[in-house]
Amino acid sequence: MVSKSDLKKPLKSLSKLEKERVLKYKRGEEEEKLSVLGQESERKAKPWVQREVAAWEKKEKAQRELDWSNLTKLRNNRKEYFRKLVEIFLRFAQEEEIPLKYQILVDLTDQGIIIKIAKTNYLGAFTPCGMPFYDRHYCKIMAVKLGNTIGKLEGHLKKSAGGIILPDGEDLSAYGP
């Protein structure tokens, strides 16, 4: 039997027998997770999905609070505050899974932060207000806008004559013939 404390410890600190037990337990848990999530039964998958979402939300909340505290500490140093915002923006941009062929350029000025996609006409900019909650949120918005722009460049987003964004053929294929 594996204890909860053994699961939290680094593997290097465990004895060979304890390490084998922990790895066997984790392997079994992952196999169960894969078999349940791969099924059509929502009832069986629900607990696993809830756990995954709760773990993601907990991690996201911890990161958000860390960002806020770091930005609050740097409020008086404008240059360092802007640099931290660039780090946050780049982390959000990484979540957008931007293809490697696009080079993202970030410029810091006295007025704010400028984001460019190399060899395109895309240019985004914002002036931080000095309030960590809003500045962090705007970093997220800029990253999503960047991801959407690259999606348009890649041809994933198509608009109707009325300006409504339509799904492409790949999106529609997920719903059947």
Protein backbone atom coordinates (compact mmCIF):
# COMPACT_ATOMS: atom_id res chain seq x y z
CA MET A 1 0.00 0.00 0.00
CA VAL A 2 1.26 3.47 -0.92
CA SER A 3 0.91 6.26 1.62
CA LYS A 4 -0.10 9.79 0.61
CA SER A 5 3.15 11.14 2.03
CA ASP A 6 5.15 8.82 -0.25
CA LEU A 7 3.26 10.15 -3.29
CA LYS A 8 4.28 13.73 -2.44
CA LYS A 9 7.97 12.97 -1.88
CA PRO A 10 10.49 13.15 -4.72
CA LEU A 11 11.34 9.70 -6.10
CA LYS A 12 15.04 10.17 -5.34
CA SER A 13 14.32 10.31 -1.61
CA LEU A 14 12.47 6.98 -1.53
CA SER A 15 13.94 3.52 -1.11
CA LYS A 16 13.94 1.20 -4.12
CA LEU A 17 10.89 -0.74 -2.85
CA GLU A 18 8.93 2.44 -2.03
CA LYS A 19 9.85 3.90 -5.43
CA GLU A 20 8.53 0.78 -7.21
CA ARG A 21 5.27 0.95 -5.25
CA VAL A 22 4.78 4.65 -6.01
CA LEU A 23 5.52 4.17 -9.70
CA LYS A 24 3.19 1.18 -9.91
CA TYR A 25 0.44 3.17 -8.17
CA LYS A 26 0.90 6.17 -10.49
CA ARG A 27 1.00 3.93 -13.58
CA GLY A 28 -2.24 2.23 -12.54
CA GLU A 29 -3.87 5.60 -11.88
CA GLU A 30 -2.83 6.92 -15.31
CA GLU A 31 -4.04 3.75 -17.07
CA GLU A 32 -7.42 4.05 -15.33
CA LYS A 33 -7.61 7.73 -16.25
CA LEU A 34 -6.87 6.97 -19.92
CA SER A 35 -9.38 4.14 -20.10
CA VAL A 36 -12.14 6.17 -18.44
CA LEU A 37 -11.55 9.39 -20.40
CA GLY A 38 -11.44 7.49 -23.68
CA GLN A 39 -14.94 6.06 -23.19
CA GLU A 40 -18.26 7.39 -24.33
CA SER A 41 -19.69 7.23 -20.81
CA GLU A 42 -19.79 10.70 -19.32
CA ARG A 43 -20.79 9.25 -15.96
CA LYS A 44 -17.54 7.26 -15.68
CA ALA A 45 -15.36 10.11 -16.91
CA LYS A 46 -16.92 12.81 -14.71
CA PRO A 47 -14.77 12.28 -11.56
CA TRP A 48 -11.56 12.32 -13.60
CA VAL A 49 -12.57 15.43 -15.50
CA GLN A 50 -13.53 17.15 -12.24
CA ARG A 51 -10.15 16.30 -10.71
CA GLU A 52 -8.27 17.55 -13.76
CA VAL A 53 -10.24 20.80 -13.84
CA ALA A 54 -9.79 21.35 -10.09
CA ALA A 55 -6.03 20.75 -10.38
CA TRP A 56 -5.80 23.15 -13.35
CA GLU A 57 -7.82 25.83 -11.51
CA LYS A 58 -5.65 25.47 -8.41
CA LYS A 59 -2.48 25.84 -10.48
CA GLU A 60 -3.93 28.82 -12.37
CA LYS A 61 -4.97 30.55 -9.13
CA ALA A 62 -1.50 30.07 -7.61
CA GLN A 63 0.14 31.52 -10.75
CA ARG A 64 -2.26 34.47 -10.82
CA GLU A 65 -1.56 35.30 -7.16
CA LEU A 66 2.19 34.99 -7.73
CA ASP A 67 1.97 37.36 -10.70
CA TRP A 68 -0.06 39.87 -8.70
CA SER A 69 2.36 39.82 -5.79
CA ASN A 70 5.40 40.19 -8.10
CA LEU A 71 3.78 43.05 -9.99
CA THR A 72 2.74 44.76 -6.75
CA LYS A 73 6.34 44.65 -5.52
CA LEU A 74 7.61 46.12 -8.81
CA ARG A 75 5.04 48.92 -9.07
CA ASN A 76 7.55 51.63 -8.13
CA ASN A 77 10.14 50.49 -10.68
CA ARG A 78 8.46 51.12 -14.05
CA LYS A 79 11.12 49.39 -16.13
CA GLU A 80 11.08 46.17 -14.07
CA TYR A 81 7.27 46.27 -13.91
CA PHE A 82 7.12 46.37 -17.73
CA ARG A 83 9.65 43.52 -17.98
CA LYS A 84 7.55 41.37 -15.67
CA LEU A 85 4.50 42.13 -17.80
CA VAL A 86 6.42 40.99 -20.88
CA GLU A 87 7.25 37.70 -19.10
CA ILE A 88 3.58 37.23 -18.27
CA PHE A 89 2.54 38.06 -21.84
CA LEU A 90 5.04 35.56 -23.27
CA ARG A 91 3.74 32.85 -20.92
CA PHE A 92 0.20 33.50 -22.15
CA ALA A 93 1.40 33.59 -25.77
CA GLN A 94 3.03 30.20 -25.25
CA GLU A 95 -0.37 28.81 -24.23
CA GLU A 96 -1.71 29.95 -27.61
CA GLU A 97 0.60 27.39 -29.31
CA ILE A 98 1.97 29.76 -31.91
CA PRO A 99 3.81 27.92 -34.72
CA LEU A 100 7.59 28.29 -34.68
CA LYS A 101 7.65 29.92 -38.12
CA TYR A 102 6.25 33.13 -36.57
CA GLN A 103 8.67 35.36 -34.75
CA ILE A 104 7.10 37.48 -32.01
CA LEU A 105 8.87 40.77 -31.32
CA VAL A 106 8.27 42.67 -28.08
CA ASP A 107 9.46 46.24 -27.61
CA LEU A 108 9.46 48.16 -24.36
CA THR A 109 9.07 51.91 -24.55
CA ASP A 110 8.53 54.62 -21.95
CA GLN A 111 4.83 54.58 -22.79
CA GLY A 112 4.19 50.85 -22.85
CA ILE A 113 4.67 47.51 -24.55
CA ILE A 114 4.54 46.90 -28.31
CA ILE A 115 3.98 43.43 -29.77
CA LYS A 116 4.75 42.65 -33.43
CA ILE A 117 4.74 39.59 -35.65
CA ALA A 118 7.87 39.69 -37.81
CA LYS A 119 7.30 40.05 -41.58
CA THR A 120 3.62 41.03 -41.11
CA ASN A 121 1.71 44.23 -40.57
CA TYR A 122 0.41 43.08 -37.17
CA LEU A 123 1.12 45.54 -34.39
CA GLY A 124 -0.41 45.49 -30.92
CA ALA A 125 0.40 47.78 -28.04
CA PHE A 126 -0.79 48.75 -24.60
CA THR A 127 0.11 51.15 -21.86
CA PRO A 128 0.10 49.49 -18.43
CA CYS A 129 -1.98 51.36 -15.87
CA GLY A 130 0.06 50.22 -12.85
CA MET A 131 -2.71 48.07 -11.38
CA PRO A 132 -1.55 44.42 -11.46
CA PHE A 133 -5.05 42.94 -11.83
CA TYR A 134 -5.80 44.92 -15.00
CA ASP A 135 -2.32 44.78 -16.49
CA ARG A 136 -2.10 40.99 -16.12
CA HIS A 137 -5.55 40.61 -17.63
CA TYR A 138 -4.58 42.77 -20.58
CA CYS A 139 -1.49 40.62 -21.15
CA LYS A 140 -3.88 37.67 -21.52
CA ILE A 141 -6.09 39.63 -23.92
CA MET A 142 -3.09 40.60 -26.05
CA ALA A 143 -1.93 36.97 -26.19
CA VAL A 144 -5.39 35.80 -27.30
CA LYS A 145 -5.51 38.54 -29.95
CA LEU A 146 -2.08 37.43 -31.13
CA GLY A 147 -3.25 33.80 -31.29
CA ASN A 148 -6.37 34.81 -33.25
CA THR A 149 -4.31 36.88 -35.68
CA ILE A 150 -1.97 33.97 -36.31
CA GLY A 151 -5.00 31.73 -36.73
CA LYS A 152 -6.22 34.10 -39.47
CA LEU A 153 -2.79 34.11 -41.10
CA GLU A 154 -2.78 30.31 -41.06
CA GLY A 155 -6.25 30.26 -42.64
CA HIS A 156 -8.03 28.66 -39.68
CA LEU A 157 -10.57 31.46 -39.28
CA LYS A 158 -12.91 32.37 -42.11
CA LYS A 159 -15.45 35.18 -42.09
CA SER A 160 -18.82 35.37 -43.78
CA ALA A 161 -19.87 38.44 -45.75
CA GLY A 162 -21.53 39.74 -42.57
CA GLY A 163 -18.31 39.45 -40.54
CA ILE A 164 -19.22 36.30 -38.61
CA ILE A 165 -16.29 33.96 -37.99
CA LEU A 166 -17.10 30.54 -39.46
CA PRO A 167 -15.55 27.16 -38.56
CA ASP A 168 -13.22 25.61 -41.09
CA GLY A 169 -13.49 22.11 -42.55
CA GLU A 170 -11.33 20.62 -39.80
CA ASP A 171 -13.71 21.91 -37.12
CA LEU A 172 -16.74 20.57 -38.96
CA SER A 173 -15.20 17.12 -39.51
CA ALA A 174 -15.31 16.52 -35.74
CA TYR A 175 -19.11 16.47 -35.91
CA GLY A 176 -19.47 13.80 -38.57
CA PRO A 177 -20.02 13.72 -42.33
